Amino acid sequence: VLGMIASSLSDQEAREFTAHLPDWLDYDTLRGHQENTRT
């Protein structure tokens, strides 16, 4: 669920969003490894 939201944000916005989530829900986990992010 949170990965779909992170992918709907710009890269910087996704970084800011994930910075406020628990550590196990970091940027790399939710979005960083996606080759093609899509809204």
PDB file of all heavy atoms in Angstrom:
ATOM      1  N   VAL A   1       0.833  -1.205   0.000  1.00  0.00           N
ATOM      2  CA  VAL A   1       0.000   0.000   0.000  1.00  0.00           C
ATOM      3  C   VAL A   1       0.865   1.251   0.000  1.00  0.00           C
ATOM      4  O   VAL A   1       0.693   2.152  -0.830  1.00  0.00           O
ATOM      5  CB  VAL A   1      -0.970   0.013   1.202  1.00  0.00           C
ATOM      6  CG1 VAL A   1      -1.718   1.336   1.279  1.00  0.00           C
ATOM      7  CG2 VAL A   1      -1.943  -1.155   1.120  1.00  0.00           C
ATOM      8  N   LEU A   2       1.815   1.329   0.917  1.00  0.00           N
ATOM      9  CA  LEU A   2       2.633   2.528   1.007  1.00  0.00           C
ATOM     10  C   LEU A   2       3.576   2.667  -0.185  1.00  0.00           C
ATOM     11  O   LEU A   2       3.919   3.775  -0.591  1.00  0.00           O
ATOM     12  CB  LEU A   2       3.404   2.552   2.329  1.00  0.00           C
ATOM     13  CG  LEU A   2       2.505   2.667   3.571  1.00  0.00           C
ATOM     14  CD1 LEU A   2       3.342   2.639   4.842  1.00  0.00           C
ATOM     15  CD2 LEU A   2       1.639   3.920   3.516  1.00  0.00           C
ATOM     16  N   GLY A   3       3.956   1.545  -0.782  1.00  0.00           N
ATOM     17  CA  GLY A   3       4.779   1.586  -1.986  1.00  0.00           C
ATOM     18  C   GLY A   3       4.024   2.204  -3.154  1.00  0.00           C
ATOM     19  O   GLY A   3       4.599   2.955  -3.949  1.00  0.00           O
ATOM     20  N   MET A   4       2.738   1.907  -3.261  1.00  0.00           N
ATOM     21  CA  MET A   4       1.936   2.518  -4.323  1.00  0.00           C
ATOM     22  C   MET A   4       1.845   4.027  -4.130  1.00  0.00           C
ATOM     23  O   MET A   4       1.890   4.793  -5.094  1.00  0.00           O
ATOM     24  CB  MET A   4       0.543   1.889  -4.368  1.00  0.00           C
ATOM     25  CG  MET A   4       0.538   0.491  -4.947  1.00  0.00           C
ATOM     26  SD  MET A   4      -1.123  -0.196  -5.082  1.00  0.00           S
ATOM     27  CE  MET A   4      -1.230  -1.139  -3.553  1.00  0.00           C
ATOM     28  N   ILE A   5       1.743   4.443  -2.879  1.00  0.00           N
ATOM     29  CA  ILE A   5       1.684   5.883  -2.603  1.00  0.00           C
ATOM     30  C   ILE A   5       3.034   6.530  -2.898  1.00  0.00           C
ATOM     31  O   ILE A   5       3.105   7.561  -3.565  1.00  0.00           O
ATOM     32  CB  ILE A   5       1.245   6.136  -1.147  1.00  0.00           C
ATOM     33  CG1 ILE A   5      -0.206   5.682  -0.975  1.00  0.00           C
ATOM     34  CG2 ILE A   5       1.406   7.615  -0.780  1.00  0.00           C
ATOM     35  CD1 ILE A   5      -0.670   5.611   0.453  1.00  0.00           C
ATOM     36  N   ALA A   6       4.115   5.920  -2.429  1.00  0.00           N
ATOM     37  CA  ALA A   6       5.455   6.470  -2.666  1.00  0.00           C
ATOM     38  C   ALA A   6       5.739   6.589  -4.163  1.00  0.00           C
ATOM     39  O   ALA A   6       6.383   7.543  -4.606  1.00  0.00           O
ATOM     40  CB  ALA A   6       6.510   5.605  -1.979  1.00  0.00           C
ATOM     41  N   SER A   7       5.242   5.646  -4.942  1.00  0.00           N
ATOM     42  CA  SER A   7       5.453   5.678  -6.387  1.00  0.00           C
ATOM     43  C   SER A   7       4.624   6.755  -7.067  1.00  0.00           C
ATOM     44  O   SER A   7       4.889   7.114  -8.210  1.00  0.00           O
ATOM     45  CB  SER A   7       5.127   4.316  -7.005  1.00  0.00           C
ATOM     46  OG  SER A   7       6.060   3.369  -6.566  1.00  0.00           O
ATOM     47  N   SER A   8       3.638   7.265  -6.362  1.00  0.00           N
ATOM     48  CA  SER A   8       2.795   8.318  -6.915  1.00  0.00           C
ATOM     49  C   SER A   8       3.356   9.705  -6.636  1.00  0.00           C
ATOM     50  O   SER A   8       2.782  10.708  -7.057  1.00  0.00           O
ATOM     51  CB  SER A   8       1.379   8.213  -6.340  1.00  0.00           C
ATOM     52  OG  SER A   8       0.795   6.987  -6.726  1.00  0.00           O
ATOM     53  N   LEU A   9       4.470   9.750  -5.936  1.00  0.00           N
ATOM     54  CA  LEU A   9       5.127  11.013  -5.596  1.00  0.00           C
ATOM     55  C   LEU A   9       6.396  11.176  -6.422  1.00  0.00           C
ATOM     56  O   LEU A   9       6.939  10.194  -6.927  1.00  0.00           O
ATOM     57  CB  LEU A   9       5.496  11.019  -4.104  1.00  0.00           C
ATOM     58  CG  LEU A   9       4.338  10.896  -3.117  1.00  0.00           C
ATOM     59  CD1 LEU A   9       4.877  10.621  -1.710  1.00  0.00           C
ATOM     60  CD2 LEU A   9       3.499  12.164  -3.128  1.00  0.00           C
ATOM     61  N   SER A  10       6.885  12.402  -6.524  1.00  0.00           N
ATOM     62  CA  SER A  10       8.180  12.604  -7.163  1.00  0.00           C
ATOM     63  C   SER A  10       9.243  11.943  -6.293  1.00  0.00           C
ATOM     64  O   SER A  10       8.996  11.589  -5.130  1.00  0.00           O
ATOM     65  CB  SER A  10       8.479  14.098  -7.302  1.00  0.00           C
ATOM     66  OG  SER A  10       8.788  14.655  -6.031  1.00  0.00           O
ATOM     67  N   ASP A  11      10.431  11.795  -6.837  1.00  0.00           N
ATOM     68  CA  ASP A  11      11.511  11.159  -6.095  1.00  0.00           C
ATOM     69  C   ASP A  11      11.760  11.864  -4.759  1.00  0.00           C
ATOM     70  O   ASP A  11      11.829  11.223  -3.711  1.00  0.00           O
ATOM     71  CB  ASP A  11      12.784  11.139  -6.947  1.00  0.00           C
ATOM     72  CG  ASP A  11      13.890  10.343  -6.293  1.00  0.00           C
ATOM     73  OD1 ASP A  11      13.699   9.113  -6.118  1.00  0.00           O
ATOM     74  OD2 ASP A  11      14.922  10.943  -5.931  1.00  0.00           O
ATOM     75  N   GLN A  12      11.882  13.163  -4.790  1.00  0.00           N
ATOM     76  CA  GLN A  12      12.155  13.927  -3.565  1.00  0.00           C
ATOM     77  C   GLN A  12      10.989  13.822  -2.582  1.00  0.00           C
ATOM     78  O   GLN A  12      11.181  13.648  -1.387  1.00  0.00           O
ATOM     79  CB  GLN A  12      12.450  15.395  -3.889  1.00  0.00           C
ATOM     80  CG  GLN A  12      12.826  16.226  -2.674  1.00  0.00           C
ATOM     81  CD  GLN A  12      14.043  15.685  -1.935  1.00  0.00           C
ATOM     82  OE1 GLN A  12      15.008  15.231  -2.540  1.00  0.00           O
ATOM     83  NE2 GLN A  12      14.001  15.728  -0.615  1.00  0.00           N
ATOM     84  N   GLU A  13       9.776  13.909  -3.089  1.00  0.00           N
ATOM     85  CA  GLU A  13       8.601  13.796  -2.228  1.00  0.00           C
ATOM     86  C   GLU A  13       8.527  12.411  -1.596  1.00  0.00           C
ATOM     87  O   GLU A  13       8.189  12.282  -0.419  1.00  0.00           O
ATOM     88  CB  GLU A  13       7.331  14.093  -3.018  1.00  0.00           C
ATOM     89  CG  GLU A  13       7.230  15.541  -3.465  1.00  0.00           C
ATOM     90  CD  GLU A  13       6.214  15.754  -4.575  1.00  0.00           C
ATOM     91  OE1 GLU A  13       5.782  14.780  -5.216  1.00  0.00           O
ATOM     92  OE2 GLU A  13       5.868  16.926  -4.796  1.00  0.00           O
ATOM     93  N   ALA A  14       8.854  11.380  -2.368  1.00  0.00           N
ATOM     94  CA  ALA A  14       8.857  10.016  -1.833  1.00  0.00           C
ATOM     95  C   ALA A  14       9.898   9.880  -0.725  1.00  0.00           C
ATOM     96  O   ALA A  14       9.656   9.215   0.282  1.00  0.00           O
ATOM     97  CB  ALA A  14       9.117   9.008  -2.948  1.00  0.00           C
ATOM     98  N   ARG A  15      11.047  10.504  -0.898  1.00  0.00           N
ATOM     99  CA  ARG A  15      12.083  10.476   0.149  1.00  0.00           C
ATOM    100  C   ARG A  15      11.584  11.155   1.421  1.00  0.00           C
ATOM    101  O   ARG A  15      11.799  10.676   2.530  1.00  0.00           O
ATOM    102  CB  ARG A  15      13.369  11.129  -0.348  1.00  0.00           C
ATOM    103  CG  ARG A  15      14.099  10.291  -1.378  1.00  0.00           C
ATOM    104  CD  ARG A  15      15.387  10.960  -1.852  1.00  0.00           C
ATOM    105  NE  ARG A  15      15.981  10.206  -2.936  1.00  0.00           N
ATOM    106  CZ  ARG A  15      16.698   9.103  -2.792  1.00  0.00           C
ATOM    107  NH1 ARG A  15      16.905   8.620  -1.595  1.00  0.00           N
ATOM    108  NH2 ARG A  15      17.199   8.483  -3.841  1.00  0.00           N
ATOM    109  N   GLU A  16      10.920  12.291   1.260  1.00  0.00           N
ATOM    110  CA  GLU A  16      10.374  13.006   2.418  1.00  0.00           C
ATOM    111  C   GLU A  16       9.276  12.190   3.094  1.00  0.00           C
ATOM    112  O   GLU A  16       9.211  12.116   4.321  1.00  0.00           O
ATOM    113  CB  GLU A  16       9.852  14.373   1.987  1.00  0.00           C
ATOM    114  CG  GLU A  16      10.946  15.330   1.573  1.00  0.00           C
ATOM    115  CD  GLU A  16      10.396  16.626   1.002  1.00  0.00           C
ATOM    116  OE1 GLU A  16       9.254  17.011   1.351  1.00  0.00           O
ATOM    117  OE2 GLU A  16      11.110  17.249   0.194  1.00  0.00           O
ATOM    118  N   PHE A  17       8.402  11.611   2.305  1.00  0.00           N
ATOM    119  CA  PHE A  17       7.304  10.792   2.828  1.00  0.00           C
ATOM    120  C   PHE A  17       7.853   9.628   3.654  1.00  0.00           C
ATOM    121  O   PHE A  17       7.454   9.412   4.799  1.00  0.00           O
ATOM    122  CB  PHE A  17       6.448  10.297   1.653  1.00  0.00           C
ATOM    123  CG  PHE A  17       5.357   9.330   2.025  1.00  0.00           C
ATOM    124  CD1 PHE A  17       4.249   9.742   2.762  1.00  0.00           C
ATOM    125  CD2 PHE A  17       5.408   7.999   1.613  1.00  0.00           C
ATOM    126  CE1 PHE A  17       3.227   8.851   3.088  1.00  0.00           C
ATOM    127  CE2 PHE A  17       4.399   7.113   1.928  1.00  0.00           C
ATOM    128  CZ  PHE A  17       3.303   7.538   2.669  1.00  0.00           C
ATOM    129  N   THR A  18       8.785   8.887   3.081  1.00  0.00           N
ATOM    130  CA  THR A  18       9.305   7.698   3.759  1.00  0.00           C
ATOM    131  C   THR A  18      10.171   8.041   4.954  1.00  0.00           C
ATOM    132  O   THR A  18      10.310   7.222   5.861  1.00  0.00           O
ATOM    133  CB  THR A  18      10.077   6.792   2.776  1.00  0.00           C
ATOM    134  OG1 THR A  18      11.142   7.538   2.176  1.00  0.00           O
ATOM    135  CG2 THR A  18       9.158   6.249   1.690  1.00  0.00           C
ATOM    136  N   ALA A  19      10.715   9.246   4.989  1.00  0.00           N
ATOM    137  CA  ALA A  19      11.534   9.659   6.133  1.00  0.00           C
ATOM    138  C   ALA A  19      10.709   9.738   7.414  1.00  0.00           C
ATOM    139  O   ALA A  19      11.257   9.683   8.519  1.00  0.00           O
ATOM    140  CB  ALA A  19      12.194  11.009   5.852  1.00  0.00           C
ATOM    141  N   HIS A  20       9.406   9.827   7.275  1.00  0.00           N
ATOM    142  CA  HIS A  20       8.526   9.953   8.439  1.00  0.00           C
ATOM    143  C   HIS A  20       7.793   8.662   8.775  1.00  0.00           C
ATOM    144  O   HIS A  20       6.904   8.645   9.622  1.00  0.00           O
ATOM    145  CB  HIS A  20       7.524  11.086   8.199  1.00  0.00           C
ATOM    146  CG  HIS A  20       8.205  12.406   8.049  1.00  0.00           C
ATOM    147  ND1 HIS A  20       8.657  13.129   9.117  1.00  0.00           N
ATOM    148  CD2 HIS A  20       8.571  13.082   6.937  1.00  0.00           C
ATOM    149  CE1 HIS A  20       9.246  14.214   8.678  1.00  0.00           C
ATOM    150  NE2 HIS A  20       9.210  14.212   7.358  1.00  0.00           N
ATOM    151  N   LEU A  21       8.189   7.595   8.123  1.00  0.00           N
ATOM    152  CA  LEU A  21       7.605   6.275   8.393  1.00  0.00           C
ATOM    153  C   LEU A  21       8.584   5.461   9.230  1.00  0.00           C
ATOM    154  O   LEU A  21       9.760   5.821   9.339  1.00  0.00           O
ATOM    155  CB  LEU A  21       7.315   5.557   7.067  1.00  0.00           C
ATOM    156  CG  LEU A  21       6.306   6.239   6.142  1.00  0.00           C
ATOM    157  CD1 LEU A  21       6.231   5.506   4.808  1.00  0.00           C
ATOM    158  CD2 LEU A  21       4.934   6.320   6.783  1.00  0.00           C
ATOM    159  N   PRO A  22       8.146   4.368   9.821  1.00  0.00           N
ATOM    160  CA  PRO A  22       9.071   3.508  10.571  1.00  0.00           C
ATOM    161  C   PRO A  22      10.250   3.078   9.680  1.00  0.00           C
ATOM    162  O   PRO A  22      10.119   2.986   8.453  1.00  0.00           O
ATOM    163  CB  PRO A  22       8.208   2.305  10.960  1.00  0.00           C
ATOM    164  CG  PRO A  22       6.816   2.861  11.002  1.00  0.00           C
ATOM    165  CD  PRO A  22       6.763   3.875   9.884  1.00  0.00           C
ATOM    166  N   ASP A  23      11.376   2.809  10.300  1.00  0.00           N
ATOM    167  CA  ASP A  23      12.613   2.510   9.572  1.00  0.00           C
ATOM    168  C   ASP A  23      12.467   1.392   8.548  1.00  0.00           C
ATOM    169  O   ASP A  23      13.086   1.438   7.491  1.00  0.00           O
ATOM    170  CB  ASP A  23      13.743   2.166  10.549  1.00  0.00           C
ATOM    171  CG  ASP A  23      14.174   3.372  11.366  1.00  0.00           C
ATOM    172  OD1 ASP A  23      13.891   4.518  10.956  1.00  0.00           O
ATOM    173  OD2 ASP A  23      14.792   3.165  12.427  1.00  0.00           O
ATOM    174  N   TRP A  24      11.665   0.377   8.822  1.00  0.00           N
ATOM    175  CA  TRP A  24      11.524  -0.739   7.881  1.00  0.00           C
ATOM    176  C   TRP A  24      10.718  -0.363   6.647  1.00  0.00           C
ATOM    177  O   TRP A  24      10.646  -1.119   5.693  1.00  0.00           O
ATOM    178  CB  TRP A  24      10.948  -1.972   8.568  1.00  0.00           C
ATOM    179  CG  TRP A  24       9.551  -1.832   9.124  1.00  0.00           C
ATOM    180  CD1 TRP A  24       9.187  -1.270  10.308  1.00  0.00           C
ATOM    181  CD2 TRP A  24       8.338  -2.273   8.510  1.00  0.00           C
ATOM    182  NE1 TRP A  24       7.820  -1.334  10.469  1.00  0.00           N
ATOM    183  CE2 TRP A  24       7.274  -1.950   9.380  1.00  0.00           C
ATOM    184  CE3 TRP A  24       8.055  -2.924   7.312  1.00  0.00           C
ATOM    185  CZ2 TRP A  24       5.958  -2.235   9.098  1.00  0.00           C
ATOM    186  CZ3 TRP A  24       6.719  -3.216   7.026  1.00  0.00           C
ATOM    187  CH2 TRP A  24       5.684  -2.867   7.912  1.00  0.00           C
ATOM    188  N   LEU A  25      10.159   0.834   6.645  1.00  0.00           N
ATOM    189  CA  LEU A  25       9.411   1.351   5.496  1.00  0.00           C
ATOM    190  C   LEU A  25      10.169   2.511   4.859  1.00  0.00           C
ATOM    191  O   LEU A  25       9.611   3.555   4.567  1.00  0.00           O
ATOM    192  CB  LEU A  25       8.012   1.789   5.941  1.00  0.00           C
ATOM    193  CG  LEU A  25       7.126   0.681   6.479  1.00  0.00           C
ATOM    194  CD1 LEU A  25       5.899   1.248   7.180  1.00  0.00           C
ATOM    195  CD2 LEU A  25       6.737  -0.269   5.368  1.00  0.00           C
ATOM    196  N   ASP A  26      11.452   2.311   4.645  1.00  0.00           N
ATOM    197  CA  ASP A  26      12.290   3.376   4.104  1.00  0.00           C
ATOM    198  C   ASP A  26      12.127   3.517   2.593  1.00  0.00           C
ATOM    199  O   ASP A  26      11.448   2.730   1.939  1.00  0.00           O
ATOM    200  CB  ASP A  26      13.758   3.158   4.479  1.00  0.00           C
ATOM    201  CG  ASP A  26      14.338   1.879   3.896  1.00  0.00           C
ATOM    202  OD1 ASP A  26      13.670   1.192   3.116  1.00  0.00           O
ATOM    203  OD2 ASP A  26      15.495   1.575   4.239  1.00  0.00           O
ATOM    204  N   TYR A  27      12.762   4.522   2.050  1.00  0.00           N
ATOM    205  CA  TYR A  27      12.670   4.820   0.626  1.00  0.00           C
ATOM    206  C   TYR A  27      13.071   3.627  -0.238  1.00  0.00           C
ATOM    207  O   TYR A  27      12.371   3.278  -1.182  1.00  0.00           O
ATOM    208  CB  TYR A  27      13.540   6.039   0.301  1.00  0.00           C
ATOM    209  CG  TYR A  27      13.618   6.347  -1.167  1.00  0.00           C
ATOM    210  CD1 TYR A  27      12.658   7.141  -1.774  1.00  0.00           C
ATOM    211  CD2 TYR A  27      14.649   5.846  -1.950  1.00  0.00           C
ATOM    212  CE1 TYR A  27      12.707   7.416  -3.133  1.00  0.00           C
ATOM    213  CE2 TYR A  27      14.710   6.114  -3.303  1.00  0.00           C
ATOM    214  CZ  TYR A  27      13.747   6.904  -3.889  1.00  0.00           C
ATOM    215  OH  TYR A  27      13.804   7.167  -5.235  1.00  0.00           O
ATOM    216  N   ASP A  28      14.199   3.011   0.078  1.00  0.00           N
ATOM    217  CA  ASP A  28      14.666   1.877  -0.732  1.00  0.00           C
ATOM    218  C   ASP A  28      13.674   0.734  -0.722  1.00  0.00           C
ATOM    219  O   ASP A  28      13.462   0.074  -1.740  1.00  0.00           O
ATOM    220  CB  ASP A  28      16.029   1.382  -0.246  1.00  0.00           C
ATOM    221  CG  ASP A  28      17.148   2.325  -0.644  1.00  0.00           C
ATOM    222  OD1 ASP A  28      17.001   3.040  -1.654  1.00  0.00           O
ATOM    223  OD2 ASP A  28      18.170   2.357   0.063  1.00  0.00           O
ATOM    224  N   THR A  29      13.039   0.500   0.394  1.00  0.00           N
ATOM    225  CA  THR A  29      12.063  -0.581   0.497  1.00  0.00           C
ATOM    226  C   THR A  29      10.805  -0.284  -0.310  1.00  0.00           C
ATOM    227  O   THR A  29      10.288  -1.154  -1.012  1.00  0.00           O
ATOM    228  CB  THR A  29      11.683  -0.823   1.971  1.00  0.00           C
ATOM    229  OG1 THR A  29      12.859  -1.167   2.692  1.00  0.00           O
ATOM    230  CG2 THR A  29      10.641  -1.916   2.112  1.00  0.00           C
ATOM    231  N   LEU A  30      10.314   0.941  -0.228  1.00  0.00           N
ATOM    232  CA  LEU A  30       9.034   1.273  -0.852  1.00  0.00           C
ATOM    233  C   LEU A  30       9.139   1.720  -2.302  1.00  0.00           C
ATOM    234  O   LEU A  30       8.200   1.551  -3.070  1.00  0.00           O
ATOM    235  CB  LEU A  30       8.310   2.358  -0.046  1.00  0.00           C
ATOM    236  CG  LEU A  30       7.912   1.973   1.371  1.00  0.00           C
ATOM    237  CD1 LEU A  30       7.181   3.126   2.034  1.00  0.00           C
ATOM    238  CD2 LEU A  30       7.069   0.713   1.387  1.00  0.00           C
ATOM    239  N   ARG A  31      10.292   2.268  -2.660  1.00  0.00           N
ATOM    240  CA  ARG A  31      10.374   2.805  -4.011  1.00  0.00           C
ATOM    241  C   ARG A  31      11.746   2.679  -4.666  1.00  0.00           C
ATOM    242  O   ARG A  31      11.855   2.591  -5.891  1.00  0.00           O
ATOM    243  CB  ARG A  31       9.988   4.278  -3.999  1.00  0.00           C
ATOM    244  CG  ARG A  31      10.051   4.873  -5.383  1.00  0.00           C
ATOM    245  CD  ARG A  31       9.629   6.291  -5.392  1.00  0.00           C
ATOM    246  NE  ARG A  31       9.996   6.892  -6.656  1.00  0.00           N
ATOM    247  CZ  ARG A  31       9.480   7.976  -7.122  1.00  0.00           C
ATOM    248  NH1 ARG A  31       8.558   8.590  -6.425  1.00  0.00           N
ATOM    249  NH2 ARG A  31       9.872   8.473  -8.259  1.00  0.00           N
ATOM    250  N   GLY A  32      12.770   2.649  -3.907  1.00  0.00           N
ATOM    251  CA  GLY A  32      14.117   2.769  -4.432  1.00  0.00           C
ATOM    252  C   GLY A  32      14.542   1.737  -5.440  1.00  0.00           C
ATOM    253  O   GLY A  32      15.364   2.008  -6.308  1.00  0.00           O
ATOM    254  N   HIS A  33      13.995   0.535  -5.375  1.00  0.00           N
ATOM    255  CA  HIS A  33      14.415  -0.529  -6.273  1.00  0.00           C
ATOM    256  C   HIS A  33      13.524  -0.655  -7.506  1.00  0.00           C
ATOM    257  O   HIS A  33      13.739  -1.535  -8.326  1.00  0.00           O
ATOM    258  CB  HIS A  33      14.461  -1.873  -5.527  1.00  0.00           C
ATOM    259  CG  HIS A  33      15.422  -1.851  -4.390  1.00  0.00           C
ATOM    260  ND1 HIS A  33      16.769  -1.665  -4.548  1.00  0.00           N
ATOM    261  CD2 HIS A  33      15.230  -1.960  -3.061  1.00  0.00           C
ATOM    262  CE1 HIS A  33      17.369  -1.679  -3.370  1.00  0.00           C
ATOM    263  NE2 HIS A  33      16.451  -1.847  -2.451  1.00  0.00           N
ATOM    264  N   GLN A  34      12.561   0.209  -7.640  1.00  0.00           N
ATOM    265  CA  GLN A  34      11.666   0.141  -8.790  1.00  0.00           C
ATOM    266  C   GLN A  34      12.329   0.791  -9.993  1.00  0.00           C
ATOM    267  O   GLN A  34      12.784   1.930  -9.920  1.00  0.00           O
ATOM    268  CB  GLN A  34      10.354   0.870  -8.493  1.00  0.00           C
ATOM    269  CG  GLN A  34       9.555   0.240  -7.392  1.00  0.00           C
ATOM    270  CD  GLN A  34       8.301   1.040  -7.102  1.00  0.00           C
ATOM    271  OE1 GLN A  34       7.946   1.950  -7.835  1.00  0.00           O
ATOM    272  NE2 GLN A  34       7.623   0.699  -6.025  1.00  0.00           N
ATOM    273  N   GLU A  35      12.384   0.075 -11.085  1.00  0.00           N
ATOM    274  CA  GLU A  35      12.952   0.639 -12.299  1.00  0.00           C
ATOM    275  C   GLU A  35      11.991   1.636 -12.933  1.00  0.00           C
ATOM    276  O   GLU A  35      12.398   2.674 -13.430  1.00  0.00           O
ATOM    277  CB  GLU A  35      13.288  -0.475 -13.290  1.00  0.00           C
ATOM    278  CG  GLU A  35      14.474  -1.301 -12.858  1.00  0.00           C
ATOM    279  CD  GLU A  35      14.826  -2.354 -13.887  1.00  0.00           C
ATOM    280  OE1 GLU A  35      14.490  -2.185 -15.075  1.00  0.00           O
ATOM    281  OE2 GLU A  35      15.444  -3.343 -13.485  1.00  0.00           O
ATOM    282  N   ASN A  36      10.742   1.302 -12.952  1.00  0.00           N
ATOM    283  CA  ASN A  36       9.740   2.178 -13.546  1.00  0.00           C
ATOM    284  C   ASN A  36       8.673   2.482 -12.508  1.00  0.00           C
ATOM    285  O   ASN A  36       7.821   1.647 -12.250  1.00  0.00           O
ATOM    286  CB  ASN A  36       9.077   1.505 -14.759  1.00  0.00           C
ATOM    287  CG  ASN A  36      10.063   1.207 -15.853  1.00  0.00           C
ATOM    288  OD1 ASN A  36      10.867   2.053 -16.206  1.00  0.00           O
ATOM    289  ND2 ASN A  36      10.020  -0.002 -16.380  1.00  0.00           N
ATOM    290  N   THR A  37       8.755   3.670 -11.931  1.00  0.00           N
ATOM    291  CA  THR A  37       7.694   4.043 -11.002  1.00  0.00           C
ATOM    292  C   THR A  37       6.504   4.484 -11.837  1.00  0.00           C
ATOM    293  O   THR A  37       6.648   5.053 -12.903  1.00  0.00           O
ATOM    294  CB  THR A  37       8.138   5.186 -10.072  1.00  0.00           C
ATOM    295  OG1 THR A  37       8.501   6.310 -10.861  1.00  0.00           O
ATOM    296  CG2 THR A  37       9.289   4.764  -9.202  1.00  0.00           C
ATOM    297  N   ARG A  38       5.354   4.162 -11.339  1.00  0.00           N
ATOM    298  CA  ARG A  38       4.145   4.539 -12.055  1.00  0.00           C
ATOM    299  C   ARG A  38       3.095   4.926 -11.044  1.00  0.00           C
ATOM    300  O   ARG A  38       2.970   4.325  -9.993  1.00  0.00           O
ATOM    301  CB  ARG A  38       3.712   3.410 -12.969  1.00  0.00           C
ATOM    302  CG  ARG A  38       2.501   2.632 -12.587  1.00  0.00           C
ATOM    303  CD  ARG A  38       2.197   1.593 -13.666  1.00  0.00           C
ATOM    304  NE  ARG A  38       0.971   0.910 -13.681  1.00  0.00           N
ATOM    305  CZ  ARG A  38      -0.224   1.284 -13.279  1.00  0.00           C
ATOM    306  NH1 ARG A  38      -0.401   2.409 -12.728  1.00  0.00           N
ATOM    307  NH2 ARG A  38      -1.281   0.523 -13.404  1.00  0.00           N
ATOM    308  N   THR A  39       2.375   5.955 -11.384  1.00  0.00           N
ATOM    309  CA  THR A  39       1.303   6.402 -10.516  1.00  0.00           C
ATOM    310  C   THR A  39       0.172   5.382 -10.564  1.00  0.00           C
ATOM    311  O   THR A  39      -0.275   4.984 -11.638  1.00  0.00           O
ATOM    312  CB  THR A  39       0.796   7.782 -10.960  1.00  0.00           C
ATOM    313  OG1 THR A  39       1.883   8.699 -10.895  1.00  0.00           O
ATOM    314  CG2 THR A  39      -0.326   8.259 -10.075  1.00  0.00           C
TER     315      THR A  39
END
